[in-house]
Amino acid sequence: MEYLVTMTTHVPEGTPEQAVTDVRAREEARSRELAAQGCLLRLWRPPLQPGEWRSLGLFSAADDAELEQVLASMPLRVWRTDEVTPLAPHPNDPALPTEAGGEEFLTTFTIAIPDGTPADTVGEVDALEAGRAKELAAQGLLQRLWRLPGRSRALGLWRARDGAQMQATIESLPMNRWMTVKITPLTPHPSDPAQATP
């Protein structure tokens, strides 16, 4: 099972800089170990406020308990809070390997189909959406797609030239008329397993 984990670190005031450096070095080493074990799949940095220390991680674990063991084994956990979101398979997930080039984005989709919309119309738009997802994957734009907890919600991982191309891509989706979308630009994390791939 895959999980998206928002990891927010708060170093206690007065902590010596050497202690922070030591914990960060151990965290980097542990991240490499977890990546080698297949538990840590990706790491990103979302947009941050000044002084904010936050990362997004894509993890793989058999279940919630195993994920908690993985997260508890990370040295920064002593100063960190983790917000875990379980991810479920999505039928339109292209499951593409990580590629270089462009910028990465996470999107959160919430679909609200208007009451009274005929079922055949919903079925047609759903089929168009699946076809468009395949096209976007073939173009290297759509990398991954998961179902989120809750009704009609999904998480997407995208690679685009820039924010304008990302926005245009979202607007090209047949379901766009029924979707509320949050786009989060991502920056590389120094411990991202994909950065270590030759």
N, C-alpha and C. Protein backbone atom coordinates (compact mmCIF):
# COMPACT_ATOMS: atom_id res chain seq x y z
N MET A 1 0.84 -1.17 0.00
CA MET A 1 0.00 0.00 0.00
C MET A 1 0.89 1.24 0.00
N GLU A 2 0.42 2.30 -0.67
CA GLU A 2 1.20 3.54 -0.71
C GLU A 2 0.55 4.60 0.16
N TYR A 3 1.39 5.48 0.68
CA TYR A 3 0.95 6.55 1.58
C TYR A 3 1.66 7.84 1.21
N LEU A 4 0.93 8.96 1.30
CA LEU A 4 1.55 10.27 1.23
C LEU A 4 1.67 10.77 2.65
N VAL A 5 2.87 11.17 3.05
CA VAL A 5 3.11 11.63 4.42
C VAL A 5 3.64 13.05 4.38
N THR A 6 2.92 13.95 5.05
CA THR A 6 3.38 15.32 5.22
C THR A 6 4.15 15.36 6.53
N MET A 7 5.43 15.66 6.44
CA MET A 7 6.33 15.62 7.60
C MET A 7 6.74 17.04 7.96
N THR A 8 6.34 17.48 9.14
CA THR A 8 6.64 18.84 9.60
C THR A 8 7.54 18.76 10.82
N THR A 9 8.69 19.40 10.73
CA THR A 9 9.68 19.33 11.80
C THR A 9 9.74 20.66 12.55
N HIS A 10 9.73 20.56 13.88
CA HIS A 10 9.87 21.72 14.76
C HIS A 10 11.04 21.44 15.70
N VAL A 11 12.18 22.03 15.40
CA VAL A 11 13.35 21.85 16.26
C VAL A 11 13.17 22.72 17.50
N PRO A 12 13.25 22.14 18.69
CA PRO A 12 13.07 22.93 19.92
C PRO A 12 14.05 24.10 20.00
N GLU A 13 13.54 25.21 20.45
CA GLU A 13 14.38 26.40 20.61
C GLU A 13 15.53 26.08 21.56
N GLY A 14 16.70 26.55 21.22
CA GLY A 14 17.87 26.32 22.05
C GLY A 14 18.64 25.06 21.72
N THR A 15 18.14 24.27 20.73
CA THR A 15 18.87 23.06 20.34
C THR A 15 20.18 23.46 19.67
N PRO A 16 21.30 22.92 20.12
CA PRO A 16 22.59 23.27 19.51
C PRO A 16 22.62 22.92 18.02
N GLU A 17 23.25 23.76 17.23
CA GLU A 17 23.33 23.56 15.78
C GLU A 17 23.99 22.23 15.44
N GLN A 18 24.97 21.81 16.24
CA GLN A 18 25.65 20.54 15.99
C GLN A 18 24.68 19.37 16.15
N ALA A 19 23.77 19.46 17.13
CA ALA A 19 22.78 18.41 17.33
C ALA A 19 21.84 18.32 16.13
N VAL A 20 21.44 19.47 15.59
CA VAL A 20 20.57 19.50 14.41
C VAL A 20 21.30 18.88 13.22
N THR A 21 22.56 19.25 13.04
CA THR A 21 23.36 18.72 11.94
C THR A 21 23.50 17.21 12.04
N ASP A 22 23.75 16.71 13.26
CA ASP A 22 23.90 15.27 13.47
C ASP A 22 22.61 14.52 13.14
N VAL A 23 21.48 15.04 13.62
CA VAL A 23 20.20 14.37 13.36
C VAL A 23 19.88 14.39 11.87
N ARG A 24 20.15 15.50 11.22
CA ARG A 24 19.89 15.59 9.77
C ARG A 24 20.76 14.59 9.00
N ALA A 25 22.01 14.43 9.40
CA ALA A 25 22.89 13.46 8.74
C ALA A 25 22.38 12.04 8.93
N ARG A 26 21.93 11.73 10.15
CA ARG A 26 21.38 10.39 10.41
C ARG A 26 20.07 10.18 9.63
N GLU A 27 19.27 11.24 9.50
CA GLU A 27 18.02 11.17 8.73
C GLU A 27 18.31 10.88 7.26
N GLU A 28 19.32 11.53 6.72
CA GLU A 28 19.69 11.32 5.32
C GLU A 28 20.14 9.87 5.10
N ALA A 29 20.93 9.35 6.03
CA ALA A 29 21.39 7.96 5.92
C ALA A 29 20.22 6.99 6.04
N ARG A 30 19.33 7.26 6.97
CA ARG A 30 18.16 6.39 7.15
C ARG A 30 17.24 6.44 5.93
N SER A 31 17.11 7.61 5.32
CA SER A 31 16.29 7.74 4.11
C SER A 31 16.85 6.88 2.99
N ARG A 32 18.18 6.86 2.86
CA ARG A 32 18.80 6.00 1.84
C ARG A 32 18.51 4.52 2.12
N GLU A 33 18.58 4.13 3.39
CA GLU A 33 18.29 2.73 3.76
C GLU A 33 16.83 2.38 3.42
N LEU A 34 15.91 3.27 3.79
CA LEU A 34 14.49 3.02 3.53
C LEU A 34 14.20 2.96 2.03
N ALA A 35 14.89 3.80 1.26
CA ALA A 35 14.73 3.76 -0.20
C ALA A 35 15.23 2.42 -0.74
N ALA A 36 16.37 1.96 -0.25
CA ALA A 36 16.93 0.68 -0.71
C ALA A 36 16.00 -0.49 -0.36
N GLN A 37 15.26 -0.35 0.75
CA GLN A 37 14.31 -1.39 1.18
C GLN A 37 12.98 -1.29 0.44
N GLY A 38 12.79 -0.23 -0.35
CA GLY A 38 11.53 -0.05 -1.08
C GLY A 38 10.43 0.59 -0.25
N CYS A 39 10.77 1.11 0.92
CA CYS A 39 9.76 1.74 1.80
C CYS A 39 9.57 3.21 1.46
N LEU A 40 10.65 3.90 1.14
CA LEU A 40 10.59 5.32 0.78
C LEU A 40 10.73 5.41 -0.73
N LEU A 41 9.66 5.86 -1.39
CA LEU A 41 9.65 5.91 -2.85
C LEU A 41 10.07 7.26 -3.40
N ARG A 42 9.59 8.34 -2.78
CA ARG A 42 9.91 9.70 -3.24
C ARG A 42 9.88 10.65 -2.06
N LEU A 43 10.61 11.77 -2.19
CA LEU A 43 10.59 12.87 -1.22
C LEU A 43 10.59 14.19 -1.99
N TRP A 44 9.74 15.13 -1.54
CA TRP A 44 9.68 16.45 -2.16
C TRP A 44 9.61 17.52 -1.08
N ARG A 45 9.84 18.75 -1.52
CA ARG A 45 9.58 19.91 -0.67
C ARG A 45 8.43 20.69 -1.31
N PRO A 46 7.36 20.94 -0.56
CA PRO A 46 6.30 21.81 -1.07
C PRO A 46 6.72 23.26 -0.85
N PRO A 47 5.94 24.22 -1.34
CA PRO A 47 6.27 25.62 -1.04
C PRO A 47 6.32 25.83 0.48
N LEU A 48 7.33 26.55 0.96
CA LEU A 48 7.54 26.74 2.39
C LEU A 48 7.50 28.21 2.77
N GLN A 49 7.01 28.48 3.97
CA GLN A 49 7.07 29.81 4.56
C GLN A 49 8.45 29.96 5.20
N PRO A 50 8.90 31.21 5.41
CA PRO A 50 10.20 31.40 6.07
C PRO A 50 10.25 30.66 7.42
N GLY A 51 11.31 29.92 7.63
CA GLY A 51 11.48 29.18 8.88
C GLY A 51 10.73 27.86 8.94
N GLU A 52 9.93 27.55 7.93
CA GLU A 52 9.15 26.31 7.94
C GLU A 52 10.03 25.16 7.44
N TRP A 53 9.86 23.99 8.05
CA TRP A 53 10.65 22.82 7.72
C TRP A 53 9.67 21.68 7.47
N ARG A 54 9.34 21.46 6.19
CA ARG A 54 8.31 20.48 5.85
C ARG A 54 8.70 19.72 4.59
N SER A 55 8.36 18.44 4.55
CA SER A 55 8.62 17.59 3.39
C SER A 55 7.38 16.75 3.12
N LEU A 56 7.26 16.30 1.87
CA LEU A 56 6.23 15.34 1.49
C LEU A 56 6.93 14.07 1.08
N GLY A 57 6.45 12.94 1.58
CA GLY A 57 7.07 11.67 1.25
C GLY A 57 6.06 10.68 0.72
N LEU A 58 6.44 9.92 -0.29
CA LEU A 58 5.64 8.82 -0.79
C LEU A 58 6.27 7.54 -0.26
N PHE A 59 5.52 6.82 0.56
CA PHE A 59 6.02 5.62 1.22
C PHE A 59 5.22 4.40 0.78
N SER A 60 5.84 3.24 0.90
CA SER A 60 5.17 1.97 0.65
C SER A 60 5.30 1.11 1.90
N ALA A 61 4.18 0.54 2.33
CA ALA A 61 4.18 -0.34 3.51
C ALA A 61 3.02 -1.32 3.38
N ALA A 62 3.12 -2.44 4.06
CA ALA A 62 2.07 -3.45 4.00
C ALA A 62 0.77 -2.93 4.61
N ASP A 63 0.90 -2.12 5.67
CA ASP A 63 -0.29 -1.60 6.35
C ASP A 63 0.11 -0.41 7.22
N ASP A 64 -0.87 0.16 7.92
CA ASP A 64 -0.63 1.34 8.75
C ASP A 64 0.42 1.07 9.84
N ALA A 65 0.37 -0.11 10.43
CA ALA A 65 1.30 -0.43 11.51
C ALA A 65 2.75 -0.48 10.99
N GLU A 66 2.93 -1.08 9.83
CA GLU A 66 4.29 -1.14 9.27
C GLU A 66 4.77 0.26 8.90
N LEU A 67 3.88 1.08 8.37
CA LEU A 67 4.27 2.45 8.04
C LEU A 67 4.70 3.19 9.30
N GLU A 68 3.97 3.02 10.38
CA GLU A 68 4.33 3.69 11.64
C GLU A 68 5.72 3.25 12.11
N GLN A 69 6.04 1.97 11.95
CA GLN A 69 7.38 1.50 12.31
C GLN A 69 8.45 2.18 11.46
N VAL A 70 8.17 2.34 10.16
CA VAL A 70 9.12 2.99 9.26
C VAL A 70 9.32 4.44 9.68
N LEU A 71 8.21 5.16 9.91
CA LEU A 71 8.31 6.58 10.27
C LEU A 71 9.00 6.76 11.62
N ALA A 72 8.71 5.86 12.56
CA ALA A 72 9.32 5.95 13.89
C ALA A 72 10.82 5.68 13.84
N SER A 73 11.28 4.99 12.81
CA SER A 73 12.71 4.67 12.70
C SER A 73 13.54 5.84 12.15
N MET A 74 12.88 6.89 11.74
CA MET A 74 13.59 8.03 11.14
C MET A 74 14.04 8.99 12.24
N PRO A 75 15.32 9.36 12.26
CA PRO A 75 15.85 10.18 13.35
C PRO A 75 15.12 11.50 13.60
N LEU A 76 14.66 12.16 12.54
CA LEU A 76 13.98 13.46 12.74
C LEU A 76 12.62 13.32 13.42
N ARG A 77 12.14 12.10 13.58
CA ARG A 77 10.82 11.89 14.19
C ARG A 77 10.76 12.47 15.60
N VAL A 78 11.91 12.61 16.26
CA VAL A 78 11.92 13.18 17.62
C VAL A 78 11.40 14.61 17.63
N TRP A 79 11.51 15.32 16.49
CA TRP A 79 11.07 16.72 16.39
C TRP A 79 9.94 16.90 15.38
N ARG A 80 9.43 15.80 14.85
CA ARG A 80 8.54 15.88 13.69
C ARG A 80 7.15 15.37 14.00
N THR A 81 6.16 15.97 13.34
CA THR A 81 4.81 15.42 13.33
C THR A 81 4.53 14.96 11.90
N ASP A 82 3.83 13.85 11.78
CA ASP A 82 3.53 13.28 10.47
C ASP A 82 2.02 13.22 10.26
N GLU A 83 1.60 13.69 9.10
CA GLU A 83 0.21 13.57 8.69
C GLU A 83 0.17 12.55 7.57
N VAL A 84 -0.48 11.42 7.83
CA VAL A 84 -0.47 10.29 6.90
C VAL A 84 -1.78 10.24 6.13
N THR A 85 -1.67 10.12 4.80
CA THR A 85 -2.84 9.96 3.93
C THR A 85 -2.68 8.64 3.18
N PRO A 86 -3.55 7.66 3.46
CA PRO A 86 -3.47 6.41 2.69
C PRO A 86 -3.93 6.64 1.26
N LEU A 87 -3.24 6.01 0.33
CA LEU A 87 -3.55 6.14 -1.08
C LEU A 87 -4.04 4.80 -1.62
N ALA A 88 -5.12 4.84 -2.38
CA ALA A 88 -5.67 3.61 -2.96
C ALA A 88 -5.44 3.63 -4.47
N PRO A 89 -5.38 2.47 -5.08
CA PRO A 89 -5.18 2.42 -6.54
C PRO A 89 -6.29 3.17 -7.27
N HIS A 90 -5.92 3.82 -8.36
CA HIS A 90 -6.88 4.52 -9.22
C HIS A 90 -6.88 3.81 -10.57
N PRO A 91 -8.05 3.60 -11.17
CA PRO A 91 -8.07 2.87 -12.44
C PRO A 91 -7.33 3.57 -13.58
N ASN A 92 -7.13 4.89 -13.48
CA ASN A 92 -6.42 5.62 -14.55
C ASN A 92 -4.95 5.85 -14.25
N ASP A 93 -4.41 5.20 -13.21
CA ASP A 93 -3.01 5.39 -12.83
C ASP A 93 -2.08 4.79 -13.89
N PRO A 94 -1.23 5.64 -14.53
CA PRO A 94 -0.30 5.08 -15.51
C PRO A 94 0.91 4.42 -14.87
N ALA A 95 1.17 4.70 -13.58
CA ALA A 95 2.31 4.13 -12.84
C ALA A 95 3.61 4.26 -13.62
N LEU A 96 3.89 5.48 -14.09
CA LEU A 96 5.12 5.71 -14.84
C LEU A 96 6.31 5.86 -13.90
N PRO A 97 7.48 5.40 -14.34
CA PRO A 97 8.68 5.62 -13.54
C PRO A 97 9.04 7.10 -13.54
N THR A 98 9.77 7.52 -12.53
CA THR A 98 10.19 8.91 -12.43
C THR A 98 11.11 9.26 -13.59
N GLU A 99 10.83 10.40 -14.22
CA GLU A 99 11.65 10.87 -15.34
C GLU A 99 12.25 12.22 -15.00
N ALA A 100 13.32 12.56 -15.68
CA ALA A 100 13.96 13.87 -15.48
C ALA A 100 13.31 14.89 -16.41
N GLY A 101 13.51 16.15 -16.08
CA GLY A 101 13.02 17.23 -16.92
C GLY A 101 11.72 17.82 -16.41
N GLY A 102 11.59 19.13 -16.58
CA GLY A 102 10.37 19.80 -16.17
C GLY A 102 10.26 19.91 -14.66
N GLU A 103 9.11 20.37 -14.23
CA GLU A 103 8.81 20.53 -12.80
C GLU A 103 7.76 19.51 -12.40
N GLU A 104 7.77 19.12 -11.12
CA GLU A 104 6.76 18.19 -10.62
C GLU A 104 5.69 18.96 -9.85
N PHE A 105 4.47 18.42 -9.91
CA PHE A 105 3.33 19.00 -9.23
C PHE A 105 2.48 17.88 -8.64
N LEU A 106 1.90 18.13 -7.48
CA LEU A 106 0.85 17.27 -6.94
C LEU A 106 -0.46 18.00 -7.12
N THR A 107 -1.50 17.25 -7.50
CA THR A 107 -2.83 17.84 -7.60
C THR A 107 -3.78 17.04 -6.73
N THR A 108 -4.66 17.75 -6.06
CA THR A 108 -5.74 17.11 -5.32
C THR A 108 -7.03 17.48 -6.03
N PHE A 109 -7.75 16.46 -6.50
CA PHE A 109 -9.01 16.66 -7.21
C PHE A 109 -10.17 16.27 -6.30
N THR A 110 -11.19 17.08 -6.25
CA THR A 110 -12.45 16.71 -5.62
C THR A 110 -13.53 16.88 -6.68
N ILE A 111 -14.24 15.82 -6.98
CA ILE A 111 -15.25 15.84 -8.04
C ILE A 111 -16.63 15.93 -7.40
N ALA A 112 -17.42 16.88 -7.88
CA ALA A 112 -18.80 17.06 -7.42
C ALA A 112 -19.69 17.11 -8.66
N ILE A 113 -20.32 15.98 -8.96
CA ILE A 113 -21.21 15.91 -10.13
C ILE A 113 -22.56 16.51 -9.74
N PRO A 114 -23.06 17.49 -10.50
CA PRO A 114 -24.32 18.14 -10.14
C PRO A 114 -25.47 17.14 -10.05
N ASP A 115 -26.31 17.34 -9.06
CA ASP A 115 -27.50 16.51 -8.91
C ASP A 115 -28.31 16.55 -10.20
N GLY A 116 -28.86 15.42 -10.56
CA GLY A 116 -29.69 15.36 -11.75
C GLY A 116 -28.94 15.09 -13.04
N THR A 117 -27.61 15.01 -12.96
CA THR A 117 -26.83 14.70 -14.17
C THR A 117 -27.14 13.26 -14.58
N PRO A 118 -27.56 13.04 -15.82
CA PRO A 118 -27.90 11.68 -16.25
C PRO A 118 -26.71 10.72 -16.12
N ALA A 119 -27.00 9.51 -15.73
CA ALA A 119 -25.95 8.50 -15.53
C ALA A 119 -25.16 8.25 -16.81
N ASP A 120 -25.85 8.28 -17.97
CA ASP A 120 -25.12 8.05 -19.22
C ASP A 120 -24.14 9.19 -19.52
N THR A 121 -24.49 10.41 -19.13
CA THR A 121 -23.58 11.54 -19.30
C THR A 121 -22.35 11.35 -18.42
N VAL A 122 -22.57 10.94 -17.17
CA VAL A 122 -21.45 10.69 -16.25
C VAL A 122 -20.56 9.60 -16.82
N GLY A 123 -21.16 8.53 -17.33
CA GLY A 123 -20.38 7.44 -17.91
C GLY A 123 -19.56 7.88 -19.11
N GLU A 124 -20.15 8.73 -19.97
CA GLU A 124 -19.42 9.23 -21.14
C GLU A 124 -18.23 10.09 -20.72
N VAL A 125 -18.45 11.00 -19.77
CA VAL A 125 -17.37 11.87 -19.31
C VAL A 125 -16.29 11.05 -18.62
N ASP A 126 -16.69 10.04 -17.86
CA ASP A 126 -15.73 9.18 -17.18
C ASP A 126 -14.85 8.45 -18.21
N ALA A 127 -15.45 7.96 -19.29
CA ALA A 127 -14.69 7.28 -20.34
C ALA A 127 -13.75 8.26 -21.04
N LEU A 128 -14.22 9.48 -21.30
CA LEU A 128 -13.37 10.51 -21.90
C LEU A 128 -12.19 10.83 -20.98
N GLU A 129 -12.46 10.89 -19.68
CA GLU A 129 -11.41 11.19 -18.69
C GLU A 129 -10.34 10.11 -18.70
N ALA A 130 -10.76 8.84 -18.77
CA ALA A 130 -9.80 7.73 -18.81
C ALA A 130 -8.94 7.82 -20.07
N GLY A 131 -9.56 8.14 -21.20
CA GLY A 131 -8.81 8.29 -22.44
C GLY A 131 -7.83 9.44 -22.38
N ARG A 132 -8.27 10.57 -21.80
CA ARG A 132 -7.40 11.74 -21.69
C ARG A 132 -6.22 11.44 -20.76
N ALA A 133 -6.48 10.69 -19.67
CA ALA A 133 -5.40 10.32 -18.76
C ALA A 133 -4.34 9.51 -19.50
N LYS A 134 -4.74 8.60 -20.37
CA LYS A 134 -3.79 7.81 -21.15
C LYS A 134 -2.97 8.70 -22.08
N GLU A 135 -3.63 9.68 -22.71
CA GLU A 135 -2.92 10.61 -23.60
C GLU A 135 -1.88 11.42 -22.82
N LEU A 136 -2.29 11.93 -21.66
CA LEU A 136 -1.38 12.75 -20.86
C LEU A 136 -0.22 11.92 -20.32
N ALA A 137 -0.47 10.66 -20.00
CA ALA A 137 0.61 9.77 -19.57
C ALA A 137 1.57 9.52 -20.73
N ALA A 138 1.04 9.32 -21.93
CA ALA A 138 1.88 9.08 -23.10
C ALA A 138 2.75 10.30 -23.41
N GLN A 139 2.26 11.49 -23.06
CA GLN A 139 3.03 12.73 -23.26
C GLN A 139 4.02 12.98 -22.12
N GLY A 140 4.00 12.13 -21.10
CA GLY A 140 4.91 12.28 -19.97
C GLY A 140 4.43 13.28 -18.93
N LEU A 141 3.20 13.74 -19.05
CA LEU A 141 2.68 14.74 -18.10
C LEU A 141 2.12 14.08 -16.84
N LEU A 142 1.25 13.11 -17.01
CA LEU A 142 0.67 12.40 -15.86
C LEU A 142 1.59 11.24 -15.50
N GLN A 143 2.13 11.28 -14.26
CA GLN A 143 3.05 10.25 -13.80
C GLN A 143 2.34 9.18 -12.98
N ARG A 144 1.53 9.63 -12.00
CA ARG A 144 0.83 8.71 -11.09
C ARG A 144 -0.54 9.30 -10.76
N LEU A 145 -1.46 8.42 -10.35
CA LEU A 145 -2.80 8.83 -9.94
C LEU A 145 -3.29 7.86 -8.88
N TRP A 146 -3.80 8.39 -7.76
CA TRP A 146 -4.31 7.57 -6.67
C TRP A 146 -5.69 8.06 -6.24
N ARG A 147 -6.45 7.19 -5.62
CA ARG A 147 -7.69 7.60 -4.95
C ARG A 147 -7.34 8.02 -3.53
N LEU A 148 -7.98 9.10 -3.09
CA LEU A 148 -7.81 9.59 -1.73
C LEU A 148 -8.99 9.17 -0.88
N PRO A 149 -8.81 9.12 0.45
CA PRO A 149 -9.96 8.85 1.32
C PRO A 149 -11.05 9.91 1.10
N GLY A 150 -12.28 9.52 1.28
CA GLY A 150 -13.38 10.45 1.07
C GLY A 150 -14.04 10.18 -0.27
N ARG A 151 -15.11 10.87 -0.51
CA ARG A 151 -15.90 10.64 -1.72
C ARG A 151 -15.33 11.43 -2.90
N SER A 152 -15.12 10.73 -4.00
CA SER A 152 -14.73 11.35 -5.27
C SER A 152 -13.51 12.26 -5.17
N ARG A 153 -12.44 11.76 -4.56
CA ARG A 153 -11.21 12.53 -4.42
C ARG A 153 -10.05 11.74 -5.00
N ALA A 154 -9.10 12.46 -5.60
CA ALA A 154 -7.93 11.81 -6.19
C ALA A 154 -6.70 12.69 -6.01
N LEU A 155 -5.54 12.05 -6.04
CA LEU A 155 -4.25 12.72 -5.96
C LEU A 155 -3.48 12.37 -7.22
N GLY A 156 -2.90 13.38 -7.88
CA GLY A 156 -2.12 13.14 -9.08
C GLY A 156 -0.71 13.67 -8.94
N LEU A 157 0.24 12.97 -9.53
CA LEU A 157 1.62 13.42 -9.63
C LEU A 157 1.89 13.70 -11.10
N TRP A 158 2.33 14.93 -11.39
CA TRP A 158 2.49 15.39 -12.76
C TRP A 158 3.89 15.93 -12.98
N ARG A 159 4.29 15.99 -14.23
CA ARG A 159 5.54 16.64 -14.63
C ARG A 159 5.19 17.55 -15.80
N ALA A 160 5.46 18.84 -15.63
CA ALA A 160 5.14 19.82 -16.67
C ALA A 160 6.30 20.80 -16.83
N ARG A 161 6.29 21.51 -17.94
CA ARG A 161 7.33 22.50 -18.22
C ARG A 161 7.31 23.60 -17.17
N ASP A 162 6.09 24.03 -16.78
CA ASP A 162 5.93 25.10 -15.79
C ASP A 162 4.49 25.12 -15.30
N GLY A 163 4.19 26.07 -14.42
CA GLY A 163 2.84 26.15 -13.86
C GLY A 163 1.77 26.42 -14.89
N ALA A 164 2.11 27.20 -15.93
CA ALA A 164 1.12 27.51 -16.97
C ALA A 164 0.74 26.24 -17.74
N GLN A 165 1.72 25.40 -18.06
CA GLN A 165 1.41 24.15 -18.75
C GLN A 165 0.60 23.23 -17.84
N MET A 166 0.94 23.23 -16.55
CA MET A 166 0.19 22.40 -15.60
C MET A 166 -1.28 22.84 -15.56
N GLN A 167 -1.51 24.15 -15.48
CA GLN A 167 -2.88 24.66 -15.43
C GLN A 167 -3.63 24.32 -16.70
N ALA A 168 -2.99 24.48 -17.85
CA ALA A 168 -3.63 24.16 -19.12
C ALA A 168 -3.96 22.67 -19.21
N THR A 169 -3.10 21.84 -18.67
CA THR A 169 -3.34 20.40 -18.66
C THR A 169 -4.57 20.06 -17.85
N ILE A 170 -4.69 20.65 -16.67
CA ILE A 170 -5.87 20.41 -15.83
C ILE A 170 -7.13 20.86 -16.55
N GLU A 171 -7.06 22.01 -17.19
CA GLU A 171 -8.24 22.53 -17.89
C GLU A 171 -8.63 21.66 -19.08
N SER A 172 -7.71 20.83 -19.58
CA SER A 172 -8.01 19.94 -20.70
C SER A 172 -8.73 18.66 -20.28
N LEU A 173 -8.85 18.44 -18.98
CA LEU A 173 -9.49 17.20 -18.50
C LEU A 173 -11.00 17.29 -18.68
N PRO A 174 -11.63 16.25 -19.23
CA PRO A 174 -13.08 16.26 -19.41
C PRO A 174 -13.86 16.48 -18.11
N MET A 175 -13.32 16.00 -16.97
CA MET A 175 -14.01 16.17 -15.68
C MET A 175 -13.79 17.55 -15.08
N ASN A 176 -12.98 18.39 -15.71
CA ASN A 176 -12.62 19.68 -15.14
C ASN A 176 -13.85 20.50 -14.73
N ARG A 177 -14.92 20.41 -15.50
CA ARG A 177 -16.14 21.20 -15.19
C ARG A 177 -16.76 20.81 -13.85
N TRP A 178 -16.44 19.63 -13.36
CA TRP A 178 -17.01 19.16 -12.09
C TRP A 178 -15.97 19.10 -10.97
N MET A 179 -14.75 19.56 -11.24
CA MET A 179 -13.67 19.38 -10.28
C MET A 179 -13.27 20.67 -9.58
N THR A 180 -12.90 20.50 -8.31
CA THR A 180 -12.16 21.52 -7.59
C THR A 180 -10.75 20.96 -7.50
N VAL A 181 -9.76 21.77 -7.90
CA VAL A 181 -8.38 21.27 -7.99
C VAL A 181 -7.45 22.16 -7.18
N LYS A 182 -6.59 21.53 -6.40
CA LYS A 182 -5.50 22.23 -5.72
C LYS A 182 -4.20 21.74 -6.34
N ILE A 183 -3.39 22.68 -6.85
CA ILE A 183 -2.11 22.33 -7.48
C ILE A 183 -0.98 22.75 -6.53
N THR A 184 -0.11 21.81 -6.20
CA THR A 184 1.03 22.09 -5.32
C THR A 184 2.33 21.88 -6.10
N PRO A 185 3.08 22.97 -6.36
CA PRO A 185 4.38 22.80 -7.02
C PRO A 185 5.36 22.15 -6.05
N LEU A 186 6.19 21.29 -6.58
CA LEU A 186 7.16 20.55 -5.76
C LEU A 186 8.57 20.92 -6.17
N THR A 187 9.47 20.93 -5.20
CA THR A 187 10.89 21.10 -5.50
C THR A 187 11.63 19.86 -5.03
N PRO A 188 12.76 19.56 -5.64
CA PRO A 188 13.50 18.36 -5.27
C PRO A 188 13.95 18.40 -3.80
N HIS A 189 13.90 17.26 -3.18
CA HIS A 189 14.42 17.09 -1.82
C HIS A 189 15.78 16.41 -1.96
N PRO A 190 16.79 16.85 -1.20
CA PRO A 190 18.12 16.24 -1.37
C PRO A 190 18.16 14.75 -1.07
N SER A 191 17.19 14.23 -0.31
CA SER A 191 17.18 12.79 -0.01
C SER A 191 16.17 12.02 -0.86
N ASP A 192 15.64 12.64 -1.91
CA ASP A 192 14.69 11.96 -2.77
C ASP A 192 15.36 10.77 -3.45
N PRO A 193 14.80 9.56 -3.30
CA PRO A 193 15.41 8.40 -3.96
C PRO A 193 15.54 8.56 -5.48
N ALA A 194 14.63 9.33 -6.09
CA ALA A 194 14.72 9.51 -7.54
C ALA A 194 15.94 10.31 -7.95
N GLN A 195 16.43 11.18 -7.06
CA GLN A 195 17.63 11.96 -7.35
C GLN A 195 18.88 11.09 -7.39
N ALA A 196 18.81 9.96 -6.69
CA ALA A 196 19.97 9.06 -6.63
C ALA A 196 20.00 8.09 -7.81
N THR A 197 18.89 8.07 -8.59
CA THR A 197 18.83 7.14 -9.71
C THR A 197 19.73 7.63 -10.83
N PRO A 198 20.62 6.77 -11.34
CA PRO A 198 21.53 7.20 -12.41
C PRO A 198 20.78 7.47 -13.71
